[in-house]
Amino acid sequence: MADEPFLSPQTKPQLRPILEDDYHGFYFTAPQSISTPAVFPSEIQDHQQSQPPSRLEYPINRLKKPGSLHRCKTAPAMAVMRDLKPKTPQAPKPQSESSIIIRQAVFLLSIYLLLGVAIYSFNRDEFSGIETHPVVDALYFCIVTMCTIGYGDIAPLTPATKIFACVFVLVGFGFIDILLSGVVNYVLDLQENMILTGIQMEKTQEGFSAKNYIVDVDKGRMRIRLKVGLALGVVVLCIGIGTLMLYFVENLDWIDSVYLSVMSVTTVGYGDRAFKTLPGRLFAGVWLLISTLAVARAFLYLAEARVDKRHRRIAKWVLHRDITIEDLLAADINNNGFISKSEYVIYKLKEMGKIGEKDILQICDQFSKLDLNNSGKITLPDLLENRI
């Protein structure tokens, strides 16, 4: 009979205490096969080897208040979620368009300059000015026109060339915008990332240093004051290079060289001085384009610095001011007579100008699409229903 499982003598499972109280002399027991899974034999062995607590210890000190329960990350439900595939493919994360803008800028700038050179070369007699070389003069005219400097040393004479100049200037504004927002931003961002990478590799726990004054490592960006300083430094460098070239190539004195360099970099271009030699116009074709973009970027950084300073001052005032009854009523989104932590955060972000009402409504609409049963929360069944 012992060989047959149903006729063999049954043994009761071994019981072990799950809640014992030596102070009052009672305990509750449960079968070991139920209370302790077989996959954790080490816990059973540890429990069997543990010594009973002292009787002098009051039980209230040994019974800890249960904490909040959390789902284990290896729960079967999470494995099911990882195995599920959405009905429609997820939209890919937007990639940086810097490389695309650079290719577009190079291609369109080439077309722009080729068109300008062709029109100028076939209509040289309809333009006034000192001639050096047809192609060099054409490139010089195109760059000066696109950068809106307006020296006046090469100017259209006939109605057809004047109409061409008007269209050429208007189209040139678009190229300046593309170059300014694309190529210049790409180069500056690349340099910024290189500086930040080098500083993060040398970052120590020594506290505040000069690097913290110019670079905000925690936010992962250079401070505005450093950007302004670098931009102004590039402008000064362009003025210095232009002054040297005008002095040695165009044979101007130092005062006129500095004067023409500043008037050119700032795109004022009075027209009383200009480039007249072949080497000077070749240099001007590259120098004017770079210096014009550098000055524009410097002015943008100056404006950004002023706006950033104003935003920081407003944010500091919003964070430190006391909340009023009007603020409580305005922040109470649920109209329940009090504001939660999330409502307080949203209200402060709106006051700082970080987010707007339109942004909040868009997020709420996306939440409503996931909350199918209008329960005010997104649960695992909701995600399963959306993904199956």
Protein backbone atom coordinates (compact mmCIF):
# COMPACT_ATOMS: atom_id res chain seq x y z
CA MET A 1 0.00 0.00 0.00
CA ALA A 2 2.91 2.29 0.54
CA ASP A 3 3.75 2.10 -3.15
CA GLU A 4 0.33 3.42 -4.20
CA PRO A 5 0.03 7.17 -3.81
CA PHE A 6 -3.67 7.21 -2.89
CA LEU A 7 -3.47 4.30 -0.40
CA SER A 8 -0.22 5.25 1.31
CA PRO A 9 -0.46 6.84 4.73
CA GLN A 10 -0.84 10.61 4.48
CA THR A 11 1.42 12.84 6.52
CA LYS A 12 0.45 16.30 7.61
CA PRO A 13 2.57 19.08 6.24
CA GLN A 14 5.03 20.55 8.62
CA LEU A 15 3.75 23.76 10.16
CA ARG A 16 5.87 26.77 10.92
CA PRO A 17 4.85 29.90 12.79
CA ILE A 18 4.04 32.96 10.76
CA LEU A 19 3.13 35.18 13.73
CA GLU A 20 4.34 34.22 17.16
CA ASP A 21 4.22 36.03 20.47
CA ASP A 22 6.41 34.63 23.19
CA TYR A 23 5.25 37.33 25.57
CA HIS A 24 1.66 36.04 25.64
CA GLY A 25 2.54 32.46 24.71
CA PHE A 26 0.60 31.99 21.45
CA TYR A 27 1.42 31.76 17.75
CA PHE A 28 -0.29 31.05 14.45
CA THR A 29 1.04 28.45 12.05
CA ALA A 30 0.69 27.76 8.37
CA PRO A 31 1.80 24.87 6.17
CA GLN A 32 5.34 25.26 4.96
CA SER A 33 4.32 24.37 1.41
CA ILE A 34 1.94 27.35 1.34
CA SER A 35 3.69 30.03 3.33
CA THR A 36 7.17 29.41 1.96
CA PRO A 37 7.58 28.53 -1.74
CA ALA A 38 9.96 25.73 -2.62
CA VAL A 39 11.97 28.05 -4.85
CA PHE A 40 13.38 29.84 -1.80
CA PRO A 41 14.99 27.06 0.28
CA SER A 42 17.56 29.44 1.70
CA GLU A 43 14.83 31.40 3.47
CA ILE A 44 13.51 28.18 5.06
CA GLN A 45 16.96 27.26 6.27
CA ASP A 46 17.57 30.73 7.66
CA HIS A 47 14.27 30.64 9.50
CA GLN A 48 14.99 27.25 11.00
CA GLN A 49 18.38 28.43 12.21
CA SER A 50 17.10 31.74 13.64
CA GLN A 51 16.79 32.00 17.41
CA PRO A 52 13.52 33.07 19.05
CA PRO A 53 13.47 36.63 20.35
CA SER A 54 13.86 37.44 23.98
CA ARG A 55 10.76 37.27 26.17
CA LEU A 56 11.68 40.58 27.75
CA GLU A 57 11.09 42.40 24.47
CA TYR A 58 7.61 43.77 24.23
CA PRO A 59 5.79 42.52 21.11
CA ILE A 60 4.74 45.95 19.94
CA ASN A 61 8.40 46.80 19.30
CA ARG A 62 8.86 43.68 17.17
CA LEU A 63 5.76 44.06 15.04
CA LYS A 64 6.70 46.64 12.38
CA LYS A 65 4.13 48.67 10.55
CA PRO A 66 3.79 47.31 7.03
CA GLY A 67 5.04 49.67 4.36
CA SER A 68 3.58 50.38 0.96
CA LEU A 69 3.50 47.46 -1.41
CA HIS A 70 5.27 47.68 -4.76
CA ARG A 71 4.97 45.42 -7.75
CA CYS A 72 8.12 43.54 -8.52
CA LYS A 73 9.67 44.48 -11.86
CA THR A 74 9.90 40.78 -12.75
CA ALA A 75 6.17 40.23 -12.29
CA PRO A 76 4.45 38.27 -15.09
CA ALA A 77 2.39 41.31 -16.07
CA MET A 78 5.51 43.29 -16.90
CA ALA A 79 6.85 40.41 -18.98
CA VAL A 80 3.59 40.37 -20.90
CA MET A 81 3.89 44.11 -21.48
CA ARG A 82 7.36 43.71 -22.94
CA ASP A 83 6.20 40.97 -25.28
CA LEU A 84 3.23 42.92 -26.59
CA LYS A 85 3.65 44.88 -29.79
CA PRO A 86 1.62 47.99 -30.57
CA LYS A 87 -0.98 47.93 -33.27
CA THR A 88 0.76 50.72 -35.13
CA PRO A 89 4.49 51.43 -35.14
CA GLN A 90 5.61 54.14 -32.77
CA ALA A 91 6.62 57.45 -34.29
CA PRO A 92 10.41 57.66 -34.37
CA LYS A 93 12.14 60.23 -32.22
CA PRO A 94 12.89 63.39 -34.21
CA GLN A 95 16.51 63.51 -35.23
CA SER A 96 18.70 66.56 -35.43
CA GLU A 97 18.31 68.46 -38.70
CA SER A 98 21.70 70.15 -38.54
CA SER A 99 23.30 67.94 -41.19
CA ILE A 100 20.28 68.35 -43.49
CA ILE A 101 20.34 72.14 -43.10
CA ILE A 102 24.07 72.22 -43.83
CA ARG A 103 23.63 70.26 -47.05
CA GLN A 104 20.73 72.48 -48.07
CA ALA A 105 22.72 75.61 -47.26
CA VAL A 106 25.74 74.51 -49.30
CA PHE A 107 23.59 73.46 -52.25
CA LEU A 108 21.38 76.56 -52.30
CA LEU A 109 24.32 78.91 -51.73
CA SER A 110 26.12 77.35 -54.68
CA ILE A 111 23.06 77.82 -56.90
CA TYR A 112 22.66 81.39 -55.63
CA LEU A 113 26.26 82.34 -56.35
CA LEU A 114 26.35 80.56 -59.73
CA LEU A 115 23.19 82.37 -60.83
CA GLY A 116 24.57 85.72 -59.69
CA VAL A 117 27.92 85.15 -61.39
CA ALA A 118 26.23 84.13 -64.64
CA ILE A 119 23.92 87.15 -64.75
CA TYR A 120 26.70 89.58 -63.82
CA SER A 121 29.15 88.07 -66.32
CA PHE A 122 26.73 88.38 -69.24
CA ASN A 123 25.74 91.94 -68.28
CA ARG A 124 29.02 93.49 -67.18
CA ASP A 125 28.40 96.66 -69.17
CA GLU A 126 25.19 97.30 -67.22
CA PHE A 127 27.02 97.56 -63.87
CA SER A 128 29.18 100.44 -62.72
CA GLY A 129 32.40 100.10 -60.77
CA ILE A 130 36.07 99.22 -60.98
CA GLU A 131 36.67 95.93 -62.77
CA THR A 132 39.35 93.43 -61.76
CA HIS A 133 38.24 89.97 -62.92
CA PRO A 134 34.74 89.01 -64.15
CA VAL A 135 34.28 86.00 -61.87
CA VAL A 136 35.87 87.66 -58.84
CA ASP A 137 33.83 90.83 -59.34
CA ALA A 138 30.66 88.76 -59.70
CA LEU A 139 31.32 86.81 -56.50
CA TYR A 140 32.20 90.01 -54.69
CA PHE A 141 28.96 91.64 -55.87
CA CYS A 142 26.88 88.61 -54.82
CA ILE A 143 28.41 88.43 -51.32
CA VAL A 144 28.09 92.18 -50.73
CA THR A 145 24.47 92.06 -51.88
CA MET A 146 23.55 88.99 -49.83
CA CYS A 147 25.14 90.42 -46.68
CA THR A 148 23.26 93.73 -47.23
CA ILE A 149 26.44 95.80 -46.87
CA GLY A 150 25.89 98.06 -49.86
CA TYR A 151 29.26 99.60 -50.61
CA GLY A 152 27.98 101.06 -53.85
CA ASP A 153 31.24 100.42 -55.71
CA ILE A 154 29.39 97.98 -58.00
CA ALA A 155 25.84 99.06 -58.76
CA PRO A 156 23.23 98.25 -61.46
CA LEU A 157 22.59 100.87 -64.14
CA THR A 158 19.70 99.58 -66.29
CA PRO A 159 16.10 98.79 -65.20
CA ALA A 160 16.63 95.07 -65.84
CA THR A 161 19.70 94.85 -63.64
CA LYS A 162 17.98 96.94 -60.94
CA ILE A 163 15.04 94.50 -60.88
CA PHE A 164 17.54 91.65 -60.72
CA ALA A 165 19.29 93.34 -57.78
CA CYS A 166 15.98 93.71 -55.90
CA VAL A 167 15.14 90.04 -56.32
CA PHE A 168 18.69 89.06 -55.51
CA VAL A 169 18.61 90.98 -52.21
CA LEU A 170 15.27 89.49 -51.14
CA VAL A 171 16.41 85.97 -51.92
CA GLY A 172 19.66 86.68 -50.10
CA PHE A 173 17.75 87.28 -46.86
CA GLY A 174 16.59 83.67 -47.00
CA PHE A 175 20.14 82.40 -47.38
CA ILE A 176 21.30 84.49 -44.44
CA ASP A 177 18.55 82.92 -42.32
CA ILE A 178 19.47 79.40 -43.46
CA LEU A 179 23.16 79.95 -42.84
CA LEU A 180 22.54 81.63 -39.50
CA SER A 181 20.12 79.00 -38.17
CA GLY A 182 21.86 76.01 -39.70
CA VAL A 183 25.57 76.21 -40.30
CA VAL A 184 26.46 78.69 -37.56
CA ASN A 185 24.31 76.91 -34.97
CA TYR A 186 25.82 73.57 -35.93
CA VAL A 187 29.39 74.84 -35.56
CA LEU A 188 28.67 76.60 -32.26
CA ASP A 189 26.80 73.60 -30.83
CA LEU A 190 29.66 71.34 -31.85
CA GLN A 191 32.18 73.55 -30.07
CA GLU A 192 29.91 73.78 -27.02
CA ASN A 193 29.59 70.00 -26.81
CA MET A 194 33.36 69.60 -27.07
CA ILE A 195 33.92 72.09 -24.24
CA LEU A 196 31.27 70.47 -22.05
CA THR A 197 32.66 67.00 -22.71
CA GLY A 198 36.15 68.09 -21.71
CA ILE A 199 34.92 69.77 -18.53
CA GLN A 200 32.77 66.79 -17.52
CA MET A 201 35.73 64.45 -17.94
CA GLU A 202 37.80 66.67 -15.62
CA LYS A 203 34.94 67.29 -13.19
CA THR A 204 35.93 66.87 -9.56
CA GLN A 205 34.13 67.22 -6.26
CA GLU A 206 36.16 70.23 -5.16
CA GLY A 207 33.16 72.54 -5.17
CA PHE A 208 32.85 75.86 -6.96
CA SER A 209 35.53 76.80 -9.46
CA ALA A 210 36.03 79.12 -12.40
CA LYS A 211 34.56 76.48 -14.69
CA ASN A 212 31.26 76.68 -12.79
CA TYR A 213 31.13 80.39 -13.53
CA ILE A 214 31.22 79.96 -17.30
CA VAL A 215 29.75 76.47 -17.78
CA ASP A 216 26.58 75.02 -16.26
CA VAL A 217 27.56 71.35 -16.19
CA ASP A 218 24.40 70.23 -14.38
CA LYS A 219 22.16 71.64 -17.11
CA GLY A 220 24.54 70.49 -19.82
CA ARG A 221 25.03 73.85 -21.52
CA MET A 222 27.34 76.83 -21.58
CA ARG A 223 26.28 79.88 -19.69
CA ILE A 224 24.95 82.81 -21.68
CA ARG A 225 27.79 85.07 -20.54
CA LEU A 226 30.33 82.73 -22.10
CA LYS A 227 28.39 82.58 -25.37
CA VAL A 228 28.24 86.37 -25.50
CA GLY A 229 31.95 86.60 -24.74
CA LEU A 230 32.87 84.11 -27.45
CA ALA A 231 30.64 85.81 -30.02
CA LEU A 232 32.07 89.24 -29.25
CA GLY A 233 35.55 87.76 -29.38
CA VAL A 234 34.88 86.42 -32.88
CA VAL A 235 33.62 89.86 -33.93
CA VAL A 236 36.78 91.54 -32.62
CA LEU A 237 38.87 88.90 -34.37
CA CYS A 238 37.08 89.54 -37.66
CA ILE A 239 37.63 93.28 -37.30
CA GLY A 240 41.32 92.74 -36.58
CA ILE A 241 41.83 90.42 -39.56
CA GLY A 242 39.97 92.81 -41.84
CA THR A 243 42.05 95.74 -40.62
CA LEU A 244 45.31 93.95 -41.37
CA MET A 245 44.19 92.89 -44.85
CA LEU A 246 42.97 96.39 -45.71
CA TYR A 247 46.22 97.92 -44.50
CA PHE A 248 48.57 95.56 -46.34
CA VAL A 249 46.48 94.66 -49.43
CA GLU A 250 44.34 97.73 -50.12
CA ASN A 251 47.12 100.14 -49.00
CA LEU A 252 44.89 102.11 -46.63
CA ASP A 253 46.19 103.80 -43.51
CA TRP A 254 45.39 102.36 -40.09
CA ILE A 255 42.47 104.68 -39.39
CA ASP A 256 40.79 103.98 -42.73
CA SER A 257 41.49 100.27 -42.36
CA VAL A 258 39.79 100.10 -38.96
CA TYR A 259 37.00 102.36 -40.23
CA LEU A 260 36.23 100.23 -43.30
CA SER A 261 36.56 97.00 -41.31
CA VAL A 262 34.02 98.12 -38.70
CA MET A 263 31.64 99.49 -41.34
CA SER A 264 31.85 96.19 -43.20
CA VAL A 265 31.43 93.89 -40.21
CA THR A 266 28.43 95.83 -38.93
CA THR A 267 26.94 95.86 -42.49
CA VAL A 268 26.70 99.68 -42.48
CA GLY A 269 28.72 100.24 -45.64
CA TYR A 270 28.72 103.99 -46.27
CA GLY A 271 30.36 103.48 -49.64
CA ASP A 272 33.17 106.01 -49.32
CA ARG A 273 35.63 103.14 -48.94
CA ALA A 274 35.52 99.69 -50.57
CA PHE A 275 37.68 96.84 -51.85
CA LYS A 276 39.26 97.69 -55.22
CA THR A 277 42.03 95.13 -55.81
CA LEU A 278 41.71 91.53 -56.96
CA PRO A 279 43.24 89.97 -53.78
CA GLY A 280 41.13 92.29 -51.63
CA ARG A 281 37.88 91.23 -53.30
CA LEU A 282 38.82 87.56 -53.06
CA PHE A 283 39.42 88.03 -49.34
CA ALA A 284 36.22 90.04 -48.96
CA GLY A 285 34.13 87.24 -50.47
CA VAL A 286 34.96 84.95 -47.53
CA TRP A 287 35.58 87.51 -44.80
CA LEU A 288 32.34 89.44 -45.25
CA LEU A 289 30.22 86.28 -45.11
CA ILE A 290 31.85 84.99 -41.91
CA SER A 291 31.98 88.34 -40.14
CA THR A 292 28.36 89.19 -40.97
CA LEU A 293 27.12 85.91 -39.51
CA ALA A 294 29.34 86.38 -36.44
CA VAL A 295 27.93 89.85 -35.75
CA ALA A 296 24.36 88.63 -36.18
CA ARG A 297 24.98 85.76 -33.77
CA ALA A 298 26.59 88.11 -31.25
CA PHE A 299 23.53 90.36 -31.24
CA LEU A 300 21.27 87.33 -30.81
CA TYR A 301 23.32 86.16 -27.83
CA LEU A 302 23.14 89.62 -26.28
CA ALA A 303 19.36 89.61 -26.62
CA GLU A 304 19.23 86.06 -25.25
CA ALA A 305 21.32 87.10 -22.25
CA ARG A 306 18.95 89.93 -21.39
CA VAL A 307 15.89 87.70 -21.78
CA ASP A 308 17.50 84.92 -19.73
CA LYS A 309 18.35 87.34 -16.93
CA ARG A 310 14.77 88.61 -16.89
CA HIS A 311 13.36 85.06 -16.82
CA ARG A 312 15.63 84.07 -13.93
CA ARG A 313 14.57 87.14 -11.96
CA ILE A 314 10.88 86.38 -12.55
CA ALA A 315 11.34 82.70 -11.67
CA LYS A 316 13.08 83.61 -8.41
CA TRP A 317 10.26 85.98 -7.49
CA VAL A 318 7.58 83.39 -8.30
CA LEU A 319 9.26 80.68 -6.25
CA HIS A 320 9.77 82.76 -3.12
CA ARG A 321 6.52 84.69 -2.93
CA ASP A 322 3.83 83.50 -0.52
CA ILE A 323 0.71 81.82 -1.84
CA THR A 324 -2.52 83.76 -1.51
CA ILE A 325 -6.18 82.81 -1.48
CA GLU A 326 -6.46 83.88 -5.10
CA ASP A 327 -3.56 81.58 -5.96
CA LEU A 328 -5.22 78.67 -4.16
CA LEU A 329 -8.46 79.17 -6.07
CA ALA A 330 -6.63 79.53 -9.37
CA ALA A 331 -4.44 76.46 -8.80
CA ASP A 332 -7.32 74.26 -7.62
CA ILE A 333 -7.91 72.48 -10.92
CA ASN A 334 -10.21 69.81 -9.46
CA ASN A 335 -12.28 72.35 -7.48
CA ASN A 336 -12.07 70.27 -4.30
CA GLY A 337 -11.06 73.07 -1.94
CA PHE A 338 -7.35 72.27 -1.77
CA ILE A 339 -4.39 72.00 -4.11
CA SER A 340 -2.23 68.92 -4.47
CA LYS A 341 1.48 68.84 -5.11
CA SER A 342 0.97 68.29 -8.84
CA GLU A 343 -1.48 71.21 -9.04
CA TYR A 344 0.98 73.44 -7.20
CA VAL A 345 3.81 72.49 -9.57
CA ILE A 346 1.66 73.14 -12.64
CA TYR A 347 0.55 76.52 -11.30
CA LYS A 348 4.12 77.62 -10.55
CA LEU A 349 5.33 76.49 -13.97
CA LYS A 350 2.55 78.53 -15.58
CA GLU A 351 3.53 81.58 -13.55
CA MET A 352 7.16 81.20 -14.59
CA GLY A 353 6.17 80.97 -18.22
CA LYS A 354 7.69 77.50 -18.59
CA ILE A 355 4.43 76.04 -19.90
CA GLY A 356 1.21 77.50 -21.21
CA GLU A 357 -2.45 76.60 -21.05
CA LYS A 358 -2.25 75.18 -24.56
CA ASP A 359 0.55 72.80 -23.55
CA ILE A 360 -1.45 71.55 -20.57
CA LEU A 361 -4.55 70.96 -22.70
CA GLN A 362 -2.55 68.95 -25.22
CA ILE A 363 -1.12 66.76 -22.45
CA CYS A 364 -4.60 66.29 -20.96
CA ASP A 365 -5.98 65.27 -24.36
CA GLN A 366 -3.25 62.66 -24.73
CA PHE A 367 -3.99 61.38 -21.21
CA SER A 368 -7.70 61.10 -22.04
CA LYS A 369 -6.87 58.92 -25.04
CA LEU A 370 -5.06 56.48 -22.75
CA ASP A 371 -7.68 56.65 -19.98
CA LEU A 372 -10.47 54.79 -21.77
CA ASN A 373 -12.75 54.28 -18.76
CA ASN A 374 -12.43 57.90 -17.54
CA SER A 375 -11.13 56.79 -14.15
CA GLY A 376 -8.57 59.55 -13.91
CA LYS A 377 -5.65 57.14 -13.95
CA ILE A 378 -3.83 54.95 -16.45
CA THR A 379 -3.79 51.30 -15.42
CA LEU A 380 -2.23 48.17 -16.84
CA PRO A 381 -5.51 46.98 -18.43
CA ASP A 382 -5.79 50.33 -20.21
CA LEU A 383 -2.35 49.90 -21.76
CA LEU A 384 -3.11 46.29 -22.69
CA GLU A 385 -6.32 47.32 -24.40
CA ASN A 386 -4.53 50.03 -26.36
CA ARG A 387 -1.69 47.77 -27.49
CA ILE A 388 -3.47 44.54 -28.33
